[in-house]
N, C-alpha and C. Protein backbone atom coordinates (compact mmCIF):
# COMPACT_ATOMS: atom_id res chain seq x y z
N MET A 1 0.95 -1.28 0.07
CA MET A 1 0.01 -0.12 -0.05
C MET A 1 0.85 1.31 -0.02
N LYS A 2 0.65 2.28 -1.02
CA LYS A 2 1.45 3.12 -1.08
C LYS A 2 0.72 4.50 -0.58
N THR A 3 1.41 5.12 0.19
CA THR A 3 0.56 6.60 0.74
C THR A 3 1.30 7.79 -0.01
N ALA A 4 0.65 8.53 -0.55
CA ALA A 4 1.22 9.79 -1.18
C ALA A 4 1.51 10.84 -0.06
N MET A 5 2.68 10.96 0.11
CA MET A 5 3.22 12.16 1.03
C MET A 5 3.68 13.36 0.40
N PRO A 6 2.91 14.58 0.71
CA PRO A 6 3.14 15.60 0.11
C PRO A 6 4.71 16.10 0.39
N GLU A 7 5.40 16.59 -0.53
CA GLU A 7 6.73 17.10 -0.12
C GLU A 7 6.72 18.40 0.67
N ALA A 8 7.22 18.18 1.77
CA ALA A 8 7.64 19.43 2.41
C ALA A 8 8.50 20.31 2.03
N ARG A 9 8.18 21.67 1.85
CA ARG A 9 9.33 22.50 1.21
C ARG A 9 9.18 23.67 1.97
N THR A 10 10.04 23.91 2.76
CA THR A 10 10.42 24.99 3.65
C THR A 10 11.76 25.89 3.37
N ARG A 11 11.27 26.89 2.91
CA ARG A 11 12.19 28.21 2.44
C ARG A 11 12.85 28.70 3.82
N LEU A 12 14.06 28.80 3.74
CA LEU A 12 14.79 29.49 4.81
C LEU A 12 15.12 30.74 4.39
N THR A 13 14.97 31.88 5.08
CA THR A 13 15.42 33.27 4.72
C THR A 13 16.79 33.40 4.85
N THR A 14 17.75 33.65 3.67
CA THR A 14 19.01 33.76 3.52
C THR A 14 19.56 35.13 3.63
N PRO A 15 20.94 35.47 4.05
CA PRO A 15 21.29 36.97 3.93
C PRO A 15 21.06 37.52 2.62
N ASP A 16 21.01 36.80 1.59
CA ASP A 16 21.06 37.11 0.23
C ASP A 16 19.41 37.54 0.15
N ASP A 17 18.39 36.66 0.60
CA ASP A 17 17.25 37.00 0.61
C ASP A 17 16.75 38.54 1.40
N THR A 18 17.61 38.62 2.51
CA THR A 18 17.26 39.83 3.33
C THR A 18 17.81 40.99 2.63
N ALA A 19 18.83 40.88 1.91
CA ALA A 19 19.61 42.00 0.91
C ALA A 19 18.80 42.42 0.00
N GLN A 20 18.11 41.62 -0.84
CA GLN A 20 17.28 41.95 -1.97
C GLN A 20 16.11 42.30 -1.33
N ALA A 21 15.37 41.91 -0.09
CA ALA A 21 14.35 42.48 0.26
C ALA A 21 14.61 43.96 0.59
N ARG A 22 15.49 44.25 1.11
CA ARG A 22 16.14 45.64 1.27
C ARG A 22 16.02 46.53 0.48
N ALA A 23 16.77 45.82 -0.60
CA ALA A 23 16.92 46.54 -1.89
C ALA A 23 15.71 47.10 -2.48
N ALA A 24 14.61 46.10 -2.51
CA ALA A 24 13.45 46.22 -3.21
C ALA A 24 12.59 47.32 -2.43
N TRP A 25 12.59 47.30 -1.03
CA TRP A 25 11.86 47.90 -0.10
C TRP A 25 12.58 49.57 -0.27
N LYS A 26 13.69 49.57 -0.49
CA LYS A 26 14.37 50.87 -0.66
C LYS A 26 13.66 51.72 -1.68
N ARG A 27 13.42 50.99 -2.83
CA ARG A 27 12.82 51.41 -4.14
C ARG A 27 11.55 51.87 -3.89
N LEU A 28 10.65 51.02 -3.04
CA LEU A 28 8.99 51.23 -2.73
C LEU A 28 9.01 52.40 -1.88
N VAL A 29 10.14 52.56 -1.03
CA VAL A 29 10.06 53.82 -0.11
C VAL A 29 10.49 54.89 -0.77
N ALA A 30 11.48 54.97 -1.50
CA ALA A 30 11.72 56.08 -2.40
C ALA A 30 10.59 56.54 -3.09
N ARG A 31 9.79 55.72 -3.67
CA ARG A 31 8.62 56.30 -4.53
C ARG A 31 7.33 56.49 -3.59
N ASN A 32 6.62 55.62 -2.89
CA ASN A 32 5.72 55.64 -2.08
C ASN A 32 6.03 56.80 -0.86
N GLY A 33 7.02 56.65 -0.20
CA GLY A 33 7.57 57.46 0.84
C GLY A 33 7.52 58.70 0.34
N SER A 34 8.05 58.99 -0.81
CA SER A 34 8.25 60.47 -1.26
C SER A 34 6.90 60.87 -1.70
N LEU A 35 6.10 60.15 -1.96
CA LEU A 35 4.49 60.66 -2.18
C LEU A 35 3.90 61.22 -0.92
N PHE A 36 3.98 60.41 0.06
CA PHE A 36 3.52 60.88 1.38
C PHE A 36 4.36 62.08 1.79
N GLN A 37 5.72 62.19 1.91
CA GLN A 37 6.34 63.33 2.07
C GLN A 37 5.61 64.59 1.78
N LEU A 38 5.55 64.40 0.08
CA LEU A 38 5.04 65.60 -0.40
C LEU A 38 3.59 66.10 -0.10
N ALA A 39 2.79 64.97 0.36
CA ALA A 39 1.64 65.12 1.05
C ALA A 39 1.66 66.11 2.19
N PHE A 40 2.50 65.67 3.11
CA PHE A 40 2.51 66.43 4.45
C PHE A 40 3.07 67.91 4.15
N ALA A 41 4.31 67.82 3.03
CA ALA A 41 4.93 69.24 2.78
C ALA A 41 3.69 70.02 2.17
N ALA A 42 2.89 69.56 1.69
CA ALA A 42 1.73 70.66 1.19
C ALA A 42 0.95 71.10 2.30
N LEU A 43 0.85 70.26 3.28
CA LEU A 43 0.12 70.59 4.58
C LEU A 43 0.92 71.44 5.37
N TRP A 44 1.90 71.13 5.72
CA TRP A 44 2.75 72.22 6.54
C TRP A 44 3.05 73.41 5.94
N LEU A 45 3.37 73.33 4.63
CA LEU A 45 3.75 74.80 4.02
C LEU A 45 2.34 75.67 4.12
N ALA A 46 1.29 75.08 3.64
CA ALA A 46 0.10 75.74 3.86
C ALA A 46 -0.14 76.31 5.26
N ARG A 47 -0.11 75.42 6.19
CA ARG A 47 -0.29 75.90 7.74
C ARG A 47 0.71 76.99 8.03
N GLY A 48 2.13 76.68 7.62
CA GLY A 48 3.06 77.77 8.20
C GLY A 48 2.94 79.07 7.40
N THR A 49 2.43 79.03 6.22
CA THR A 49 1.98 80.55 5.50
C THR A 49 0.83 80.90 5.94
N ILE A 50 -0.31 80.42 6.28
CA ILE A 50 -1.21 80.83 7.21
C ILE A 50 -1.11 81.45 8.46
N ALA A 51 -0.21 80.81 9.09
CA ALA A 51 0.25 81.11 10.60
C ALA A 51 1.15 82.53 10.61
N ALA A 52 1.82 82.52 9.33
CA ALA A 52 2.89 83.50 9.23
C ALA A 52 1.99 85.04 9.06
N GLY A 53 0.79 85.09 8.78
CA GLY A 53 -0.17 86.41 8.61
C GLY A 53 0.47 87.35 7.50
N TRP A 54 0.95 86.77 6.47
CA TRP A 54 1.36 87.66 5.21
C TRP A 54 0.30 87.99 4.35
N PRO A 55 0.29 89.16 4.03
CA PRO A 55 -0.87 89.49 2.94
C PRO A 55 -1.15 88.71 1.77
N SER A 56 -2.07 88.24 1.36
CA SER A 56 -2.43 87.17 0.45
C SER A 56 -1.84 86.03 0.90
N ARG A 57 -1.82 85.50 2.28
CA ARG A 57 -1.45 84.44 2.58
C ARG A 57 -2.31 83.35 2.17
N LEU A 58 -3.42 83.18 1.92
CA LEU A 58 -4.25 82.02 1.33
C LEU A 58 -3.95 81.83 0.02
N ALA A 59 -3.57 82.97 -0.81
CA ALA A 59 -3.11 82.49 -2.16
C ALA A 59 -1.73 82.12 -2.11
N ILE A 60 -0.83 82.52 -1.22
CA ILE A 60 0.48 81.91 -1.19
C ILE A 60 0.45 80.50 -0.73
N ALA A 61 -0.43 80.26 0.09
CA ALA A 61 -0.46 78.80 0.89
C ALA A 61 -1.01 77.77 -0.57
N ALA A 62 -1.92 78.20 -1.18
CA ALA A 62 -2.44 77.52 -2.28
C ALA A 62 -1.46 77.30 -3.23
N VAL A 63 -0.68 78.14 -3.64
CA VAL A 63 0.58 78.16 -4.66
C VAL A 63 1.27 77.32 -3.97
N LEU A 64 1.80 77.18 -2.87
CA LEU A 64 2.94 76.35 -2.28
C LEU A 64 2.52 74.73 -2.19
N ALA A 65 0.99 74.76 -1.77
CA ALA A 65 0.49 73.49 -2.02
C ALA A 65 0.46 72.77 -3.36
N ALA A 66 -0.14 73.68 -4.24
CA ALA A 66 -0.07 73.01 -5.73
C ALA A 66 1.18 72.89 -6.07
N SER A 67 2.04 73.55 -5.65
CA SER A 67 3.43 73.06 -6.11
C SER A 67 3.99 71.80 -5.67
N ALA A 68 3.64 71.30 -4.32
CA ALA A 68 4.06 70.19 -3.85
C ALA A 68 3.27 69.05 -4.67
N CYS A 69 1.99 69.23 -4.94
CA CYS A 69 1.15 68.26 -5.74
C CYS A 69 1.75 68.07 -7.03
N GLY A 70 2.28 69.47 -7.72
CA GLY A 70 2.74 69.13 -9.03
C GLY A 70 4.22 68.40 -8.87
N LEU A 71 4.91 68.40 -7.93
CA LEU A 71 6.10 67.57 -7.61
C LEU A 71 5.72 66.20 -7.48
N ALA A 72 4.82 65.97 -6.99
CA ALA A 72 4.39 64.51 -6.68
C ALA A 72 3.53 63.87 -8.00
N ALA A 73 2.96 64.76 -9.02
CA ALA A 73 2.81 64.16 -10.15
C ALA A 73 3.88 64.12 -11.07
N TRP A 74 4.97 64.79 -10.95
CA TRP A 74 6.19 64.38 -11.62
C TRP A 74 6.88 63.40 -11.28
N GLY A 75 6.83 63.15 -9.86
CA GLY A 75 7.66 61.75 -9.35
C GLY A 75 7.00 60.68 -9.76
N VAL A 76 5.75 60.53 -9.83
CA VAL A 76 4.79 59.38 -10.17
C VAL A 76 5.10 59.10 -11.66
N ALA A 77 5.24 60.15 -12.48
CA ALA A 77 5.50 60.08 -13.98
C ALA A 77 6.73 59.49 -14.04
N THR A 78 7.87 60.02 -13.50
CA THR A 78 9.16 59.62 -13.63
C THR A 78 9.51 58.17 -13.09
N THR A 79 8.80 58.02 -12.07
CA THR A 79 9.35 56.62 -11.71
C THR A 79 8.43 55.50 -11.62
N GLN A 80 7.37 55.63 -12.75
CA GLN A 80 6.51 54.83 -13.03
C GLN A 80 7.11 53.20 -13.45
N GLY A 81 6.70 52.22 -12.56
CA GLY A 81 7.19 51.00 -12.96
C GLY A 81 8.32 50.71 -12.42
N LEU A 82 8.94 51.55 -11.64
CA LEU A 82 10.39 51.39 -11.16
C LEU A 82 10.53 50.70 -9.66
N ALA A 83 9.27 50.68 -9.08
CA ALA A 83 9.32 50.20 -7.65
C ALA A 83 8.22 48.95 -7.26
N PRO A 84 8.27 48.20 -8.03
CA PRO A 84 7.13 46.77 -7.66
C PRO A 84 7.13 46.47 -6.14
N ARG A 85 6.37 46.13 -5.86
CA ARG A 85 6.13 45.56 -4.23
C ARG A 85 6.87 44.43 -4.16
N PRO A 86 7.70 44.31 -3.24
CA PRO A 86 8.75 42.94 -3.08
C PRO A 86 7.94 41.90 -2.51
N ARG A 87 8.41 40.81 -2.82
CA ARG A 87 7.55 39.54 -2.29
C ARG A 87 8.62 38.69 -1.57
N GLY A 88 8.13 37.57 -0.78
CA GLY A 88 9.01 36.78 0.09
C GLY A 88 9.14 36.75 1.66
N PRO A 89 9.37 36.21 2.27
CA PRO A 89 9.36 36.08 3.60
C PRO A 89 10.12 37.29 4.21
N ALA A 90 11.41 37.58 3.86
CA ALA A 90 12.10 38.75 4.13
C ALA A 90 11.32 40.12 3.89
N ALA A 91 10.88 40.22 2.69
CA ALA A 91 10.11 41.39 2.37
C ALA A 91 9.08 41.54 3.26
N ARG A 92 8.26 40.40 3.53
CA ARG A 92 7.13 40.57 4.55
C ARG A 92 7.48 41.06 5.79
N LYS A 93 8.55 40.47 6.40
CA LYS A 93 8.95 40.95 7.55
C LYS A 93 9.34 42.69 7.50
N LEU A 94 10.00 42.93 6.63
CA LEU A 94 10.21 44.34 6.55
C LEU A 94 9.00 45.29 6.37
N ASP A 95 7.99 44.53 5.63
CA ASP A 95 6.67 45.34 5.40
C ASP A 95 5.99 45.51 6.76
N ARG A 96 6.20 44.37 7.48
CA ARG A 96 5.60 44.58 9.01
C ARG A 96 6.24 45.65 9.69
N ASP A 97 7.62 45.59 9.71
CA ASP A 97 8.39 46.32 10.62
C ASP A 97 8.08 48.03 10.07
N ILE A 98 8.10 48.13 8.72
CA ILE A 98 7.73 49.40 8.21
C ILE A 98 6.33 50.14 8.54
N THR A 99 5.34 49.07 8.38
CA THR A 99 4.08 49.51 8.79
C THR A 99 3.76 49.71 10.17
N ILE A 100 4.46 49.19 10.98
CA ILE A 100 4.26 49.40 12.48
C ILE A 100 5.04 50.63 13.07
N ALA A 101 6.16 50.96 12.36
CA ALA A 101 6.74 52.24 12.72
C ALA A 101 6.10 53.31 12.15
N THR A 102 5.63 53.40 10.86
CA THR A 102 4.68 54.29 10.47
C THR A 102 3.19 54.66 11.19
N ILE A 103 2.84 53.48 11.51
CA ILE A 103 1.51 53.78 12.27
C ILE A 103 1.88 54.22 13.75
N ALA A 104 2.92 53.84 14.47
CA ALA A 104 3.47 54.54 15.51
C ALA A 104 3.59 56.07 15.33
N GLN A 105 4.38 56.43 14.25
CA GLN A 105 4.64 57.89 14.11
C GLN A 105 3.22 58.57 13.77
N LEU A 106 2.58 58.04 13.23
CA LEU A 106 0.96 58.91 12.84
C LEU A 106 0.25 58.79 14.38
N ALA A 107 0.35 57.91 15.03
CA ALA A 107 -0.61 57.81 16.43
C ALA A 107 0.10 58.79 17.21
N VAL A 108 1.52 59.10 17.12
CA VAL A 108 2.23 59.93 18.05
C VAL A 108 1.97 61.38 17.60
N SER A 109 1.63 61.46 16.32
CA SER A 109 1.30 63.05 15.63
C SER A 109 -0.08 63.12 15.73
N CYS A 110 -0.75 62.31 16.21
CA CYS A 110 -2.20 62.49 16.60
C CYS A 110 -2.50 62.84 17.67
N ALA A 111 -1.75 62.15 18.80
CA ALA A 111 -1.68 62.76 20.13
C ALA A 111 -1.41 63.79 20.57
N LEU A 112 -0.10 64.31 20.08
CA LEU A 112 0.69 65.62 20.13
C LEU A 112 -0.24 66.66 20.45
N PRO A 113 -1.10 66.97 19.46
CA PRO A 113 -1.89 68.02 19.56
C PRO A 113 -2.58 68.49 20.82
N LEU A 114 -3.25 67.16 21.11
CA LEU A 114 -4.06 67.19 22.25
C LEU A 114 -3.01 67.35 23.60
N LEU A 115 -2.01 66.62 23.80
CA LEU A 115 -1.21 66.76 24.96
C LEU A 115 -0.67 68.25 25.00
N LEU A 116 -0.04 68.63 24.07
CA LEU A 116 0.40 70.17 23.89
C LEU A 116 -0.61 71.11 24.19
N ALA A 117 -1.83 70.90 23.86
CA ALA A 117 -2.84 71.77 24.23
C ALA A 117 -3.26 71.77 25.70
N ALA A 118 -3.02 70.55 26.18
CA ALA A 118 -3.50 70.44 27.58
C ALA A 118 -2.15 71.00 28.56
N LEU A 119 -1.05 70.91 27.90
CA LEU A 119 -0.15 71.71 28.67
C LEU A 119 -0.05 73.09 28.42
N GLY A 120 -0.91 73.62 27.49
CA GLY A 120 -0.80 75.16 27.20
C GLY A 120 0.29 75.66 26.30
N ARG A 121 0.85 74.55 25.48
CA ARG A 121 1.60 75.14 24.52
C ARG A 121 1.19 74.35 23.03
N PRO A 122 0.11 74.95 22.53
CA PRO A 122 -0.14 74.31 21.19
C PRO A 122 0.57 74.82 20.18
N ASP A 123 1.42 75.85 20.42
CA ASP A 123 2.23 76.18 19.46
C ASP A 123 3.40 75.51 19.06
N LEU A 124 3.65 74.29 19.79
CA LEU A 124 4.66 73.63 19.86
C LEU A 124 4.53 72.10 18.92
N THR A 125 3.20 72.31 18.50
CA THR A 125 2.72 71.31 17.76
C THR A 125 3.36 70.82 16.47
N VAL A 126 3.56 71.87 15.55
CA VAL A 126 4.12 71.49 14.30
C VAL A 126 5.58 71.01 14.45
N ALA A 127 6.40 71.80 15.48
CA ALA A 127 7.66 71.57 15.75
C ALA A 127 7.79 70.05 16.34
N ALA A 128 6.97 69.46 17.30
CA ALA A 128 7.25 68.41 17.89
C ALA A 128 6.86 67.28 16.76
N ILE A 129 5.65 67.41 16.01
CA ILE A 129 5.24 66.38 14.73
C ILE A 129 6.60 66.33 13.93
N SER A 130 7.42 67.46 13.78
CA SER A 130 8.53 67.24 12.73
C SER A 130 9.35 66.53 13.22
N VAL A 131 9.65 66.48 14.74
CA VAL A 131 10.76 65.62 15.43
C VAL A 131 10.33 64.18 15.22
N THR A 132 9.15 63.82 15.27
CA THR A 132 8.70 62.38 15.17
C THR A 132 8.89 62.16 13.57
N ILE A 133 8.47 62.76 12.71
CA ILE A 133 9.07 62.62 11.28
C ILE A 133 10.46 62.20 11.03
N GLY A 134 11.16 63.02 11.78
CA GLY A 134 12.68 63.00 11.48
C GLY A 134 13.28 61.69 12.07
N MET A 135 12.51 61.22 13.33
CA MET A 135 12.85 59.87 13.97
C MET A 135 12.46 58.75 13.04
N LEU A 136 11.31 58.90 12.35
CA LEU A 136 10.85 58.13 11.49
C LEU A 136 11.82 57.89 10.12
N LEU A 137 12.28 59.00 9.78
CA LEU A 137 13.33 58.83 8.42
C LEU A 137 14.39 58.39 8.84
N LEU A 138 14.92 58.78 10.02
CA LEU A 138 16.35 58.28 10.64
C LEU A 138 16.19 56.59 10.49
N TRP A 139 15.28 56.18 11.25
CA TRP A 139 14.96 54.60 11.18
C TRP A 139 14.68 54.02 9.67
N LEU A 140 14.17 54.69 8.92
CA LEU A 140 14.07 54.07 7.45
C LEU A 140 15.56 54.17 7.02
N ARG A 141 16.29 55.03 7.10
CA ARG A 141 17.66 55.27 6.70
C ARG A 141 18.57 53.98 7.24
N ALA A 142 18.28 53.83 8.62
CA ALA A 142 19.11 52.59 9.12
C ALA A 142 18.63 51.51 8.68
N GLN A 143 17.62 51.26 8.43
CA GLN A 143 16.91 49.91 7.90
C GLN A 143 17.16 49.48 6.64
N LEU A 144 17.04 50.61 5.78
CA LEU A 144 16.94 50.40 4.27
C LEU A 144 18.26 51.05 3.75
N GLY A 145 18.76 52.08 4.09
CA GLY A 145 19.66 52.78 3.40
C GLY A 145 19.14 53.95 2.39
N THR A 146 18.13 54.33 2.80
CA THR A 146 17.39 55.19 1.81
C THR A 146 17.95 56.55 1.68
N THR A 147 17.94 56.99 0.49
CA THR A 147 18.18 58.21 -0.02
C THR A 147 17.79 59.62 0.47
N GLY A 148 18.29 60.33 0.86
CA GLY A 148 18.03 61.83 1.43
C GLY A 148 17.29 61.57 2.72
N HIS A 149 17.07 60.55 3.45
CA HIS A 149 16.40 60.33 4.76
C HIS A 149 17.46 60.97 6.00
N LEU A 150 18.71 60.63 5.65
CA LEU A 150 19.93 61.05 6.69
C LEU A 150 19.69 62.50 6.84
N ALA A 151 20.12 63.00 5.83
CA ALA A 151 20.04 64.64 6.06
C ALA A 151 18.65 65.22 6.44
N ALA A 152 17.51 64.75 5.81
CA ALA A 152 16.13 65.20 6.39
C ALA A 152 15.93 64.85 7.77
N GLY A 153 16.35 63.68 7.98
CA GLY A 153 15.88 63.20 9.56
C GLY A 153 16.50 64.01 10.61
N ILE A 154 17.92 64.53 10.35
CA ILE A 154 18.71 65.06 11.09
C ILE A 154 17.89 66.79 11.29
N LEU A 155 17.78 67.22 10.10
CA LEU A 155 17.27 68.50 9.90
C LEU A 155 15.92 68.69 10.76
N LEU A 156 14.96 67.61 10.46
CA LEU A 156 13.72 67.64 11.18
C LEU A 156 13.78 67.50 12.67
N ILE A 157 14.76 67.06 13.09
CA ILE A 157 15.08 67.08 14.55
C ILE A 157 15.49 68.35 14.82
N VAL A 158 16.73 68.56 14.41
CA VAL A 158 17.46 69.81 15.07
C VAL A 158 16.81 71.18 14.78
N VAL A 159 16.50 71.25 13.59
CA VAL A 159 15.60 72.83 13.22
C VAL A 159 14.57 73.07 14.04
N PRO A 160 13.70 72.30 14.10
CA PRO A 160 12.48 72.43 14.84
C PRO A 160 12.67 72.57 16.38
N ILE A 161 13.62 71.78 17.00
CA ILE A 161 13.92 72.15 18.33
C ILE A 161 14.57 73.46 18.41
N THR A 162 15.46 73.76 17.68
CA THR A 162 16.02 75.28 17.60
C THR A 162 15.02 76.24 17.53
N LEU A 163 14.17 76.31 16.68
CA LEU A 163 13.09 77.02 16.56
C LEU A 163 12.24 77.18 17.77
N ALA A 164 11.78 76.10 18.16
CA ALA A 164 11.24 76.05 19.64
C ALA A 164 11.82 76.69 20.89
N VAL A 165 13.10 76.76 20.56
CA VAL A 165 13.72 77.47 21.88
C VAL A 165 14.05 79.09 21.47
N ALA A 166 13.93 79.15 20.19
CA ALA A 166 14.09 80.75 19.89
C ALA A 166 12.58 81.50 19.67
N LEU A 167 11.69 80.66 19.41
CA LEU A 167 10.20 81.53 19.06
C LEU A 167 9.28 80.84 20.05
N THR A 168 8.05 81.69 19.92
CA THR A 168 6.73 81.00 20.33
C THR A 168 5.51 81.51 19.53
N GLY A 169 4.24 81.17 19.99
CA GLY A 169 3.17 81.36 19.07
C GLY A 169 3.11 81.15 17.71
N SER A 170 2.52 82.03 17.10
CA SER A 170 2.09 81.96 15.73
C SER A 170 3.61 82.11 14.89
N ALA A 171 4.55 82.78 15.58
CA ALA A 171 5.95 83.00 14.69
C ALA A 171 6.50 81.43 14.75
N LEU A 172 6.51 80.67 15.76
CA LEU A 172 6.89 79.38 15.73
C LEU A 172 6.05 78.25 14.75
N THR A 173 4.97 78.51 14.83
CA THR A 173 3.90 77.75 14.07
C THR A 173 4.43 77.91 12.61
N ALA A 174 4.50 79.25 12.01
CA ALA A 174 4.78 79.56 10.99
C ALA A 174 6.29 79.14 10.50
N ALA A 175 7.22 79.28 11.16
CA ALA A 175 8.68 78.95 10.76
C ALA A 175 8.77 77.39 10.90
N ALA A 176 8.08 76.59 11.71
CA ALA A 176 8.32 75.33 11.66
C ALA A 176 7.66 74.68 10.76
N GLY A 177 6.40 75.33 10.28
CA GLY A 177 5.82 74.71 9.23
C GLY A 177 6.22 74.98 7.85
N LEU A 178 6.97 75.93 7.56
CA LEU A 178 7.69 76.43 6.45
C LEU A 178 8.82 75.47 6.09
N VAL A 179 9.60 75.46 7.24
CA VAL A 179 10.75 74.54 7.31
C VAL A 179 10.35 73.24 7.18
N THR A 180 9.68 72.66 7.75
CA THR A 180 9.41 71.21 7.81
C THR A 180 8.66 70.87 6.20
N GLY A 181 8.09 71.84 5.82
CA GLY A 181 7.44 71.47 4.41
C GLY A 181 8.67 71.62 3.45
N ALA A 182 9.48 72.48 3.32
CA ALA A 182 10.69 72.51 2.66
C ALA A 182 11.74 71.53 2.81
N ILE A 183 11.74 70.85 3.81
CA ILE A 183 12.68 69.82 4.22
C ILE A 183 12.06 68.48 3.52
N LEU A 184 10.87 68.27 3.98
CA LEU A 184 10.13 66.98 3.05
C LEU A 184 10.22 67.06 1.75
N ALA A 185 9.94 68.25 1.23
CA ALA A 185 9.87 68.29 -0.16
C ALA A 185 11.17 67.95 -0.75
N GLY A 186 12.12 68.40 -0.23
CA GLY A 186 13.69 68.14 -0.53
C GLY A 186 14.11 66.69 -0.43
N SER A 187 13.62 66.23 0.49
CA SER A 187 13.80 64.61 0.82
C SER A 187 13.10 63.90 -0.39
N ALA A 188 11.85 64.29 -0.68
CA ALA A 188 10.90 63.81 -1.62
C ALA A 188 11.68 63.75 -3.00
N ILE A 189 12.20 64.84 -3.32
CA ILE A 189 12.70 65.14 -4.70
C ILE A 189 14.08 64.23 -4.79
N ALA A 190 14.69 64.10 -3.52
CA ALA A 190 15.89 63.26 -3.57
C ALA A 190 15.64 61.66 -4.09
N GLY A 191 14.68 61.54 -3.27
CA GLY A 191 13.99 59.76 -3.54
C GLY A 191 13.67 59.58 -4.76
N PHE A 192 13.11 60.58 -5.71
CA PHE A 192 12.28 60.37 -6.78
C PHE A 192 13.62 60.40 -7.88
N ARG A 193 14.67 61.30 -7.63
CA ARG A 193 15.64 61.21 -8.35
C ARG A 193 16.43 60.02 -8.45
N TRP A 194 16.76 59.58 -7.28
CA TRP A 194 17.55 58.46 -7.05
C TRP A 194 17.00 57.40 -7.82
N LEU A 195 15.66 57.03 -7.30
CA LEU A 195 14.84 55.92 -8.13
C LEU A 195 14.95 55.89 -9.63
N ALA A 196 14.75 57.41 -10.25
CA ALA A 196 14.82 57.58 -11.66
C ALA A 196 16.26 56.99 -12.15
N GLN A 197 17.25 57.37 -11.46
CA GLN A 197 18.55 57.36 -11.95
C GLN A 197 18.94 55.61 -11.74
N ALA A 198 18.31 54.96 -10.86
CA ALA A 198 18.55 53.66 -10.51
C ALA A 198 18.26 52.54 -11.75
N GLY A 199 16.95 53.20 -12.27
CA GLY A 199 16.36 52.28 -13.43
C GLY A 199 15.48 51.24 -12.83
N PRO A 200 15.17 50.47 -13.78
CA PRO A 200 14.35 49.07 -13.50
C PRO A 200 15.16 48.10 -12.34
N ALA A 201 14.23 47.50 -11.71
CA ALA A 201 14.61 46.64 -10.62
C ALA A 201 15.19 45.53 -11.23
N PRO A 202 16.28 44.92 -10.77
CA PRO A 202 16.96 43.69 -11.06
C PRO A 202 16.03 42.47 -10.79
N ARG A 203 15.85 41.63 -11.63
CA ARG A 203 14.84 40.37 -11.62
C ARG A 203 15.18 39.64 -10.28
N PRO A 204 16.34 39.22 -10.13
CA PRO A 204 16.49 38.50 -8.66
C PRO A 204 15.92 39.09 -7.43
N GLY A 205 15.85 40.47 -7.43
CA GLY A 205 15.21 41.16 -6.48
C GLY A 205 13.89 41.16 -5.96
N LEU A 206 13.17 40.48 -7.13
CA LEU A 206 11.70 40.26 -6.93
C LEU A 206 11.38 38.83 -6.94
N ALA A 207 12.20 38.20 -6.56
CA ALA A 207 11.96 36.66 -6.29
C ALA A 207 11.25 36.57 -4.92
N GLY A 208 10.27 35.65 -5.13
CA GLY A 208 9.43 35.43 -3.74
C GLY A 208 9.33 33.94 -3.39
């Protein structure tokens, strides 16, 4: 009597798999992460402009936000098809880690306005959120070697803290918003340009 036994196939994650997953995720973060950065850049540029109280500030805010959206459209067109979603056990682990880190940063960003308002310093909100974004970018740099995140992460921590020491009230909100938006836009441009210059992903990096 013969019994058909299914062949057990267990694939172990090798250092090469991990390196390929990191390379593939670096591409995806360079594209999708840059889009998120530009979305927040538009928000902070608009908020900073409105807080500055300049004449025609609404029109200026609209132009700056539209410029960020234009950069996003350029990035999407320039990097079309260059960052397919990576597959495989190593890629799924990175996916989970990146998702957890991103959700944690967003959760802290949502809680900070309430906390700072309770402490009587709502003007610190933009600067504090900028610091959390900087920490996330530095973490991504450490995990994936992402382009532009090292400089942007350091600036998003050091500059808002410096502004918080020197300014208060609407002046702090305006300065932190404009600076944060500009840094995020610069980081996004660096990510798009790197991906466009890198070209199509090598086939072995897509193995799952």
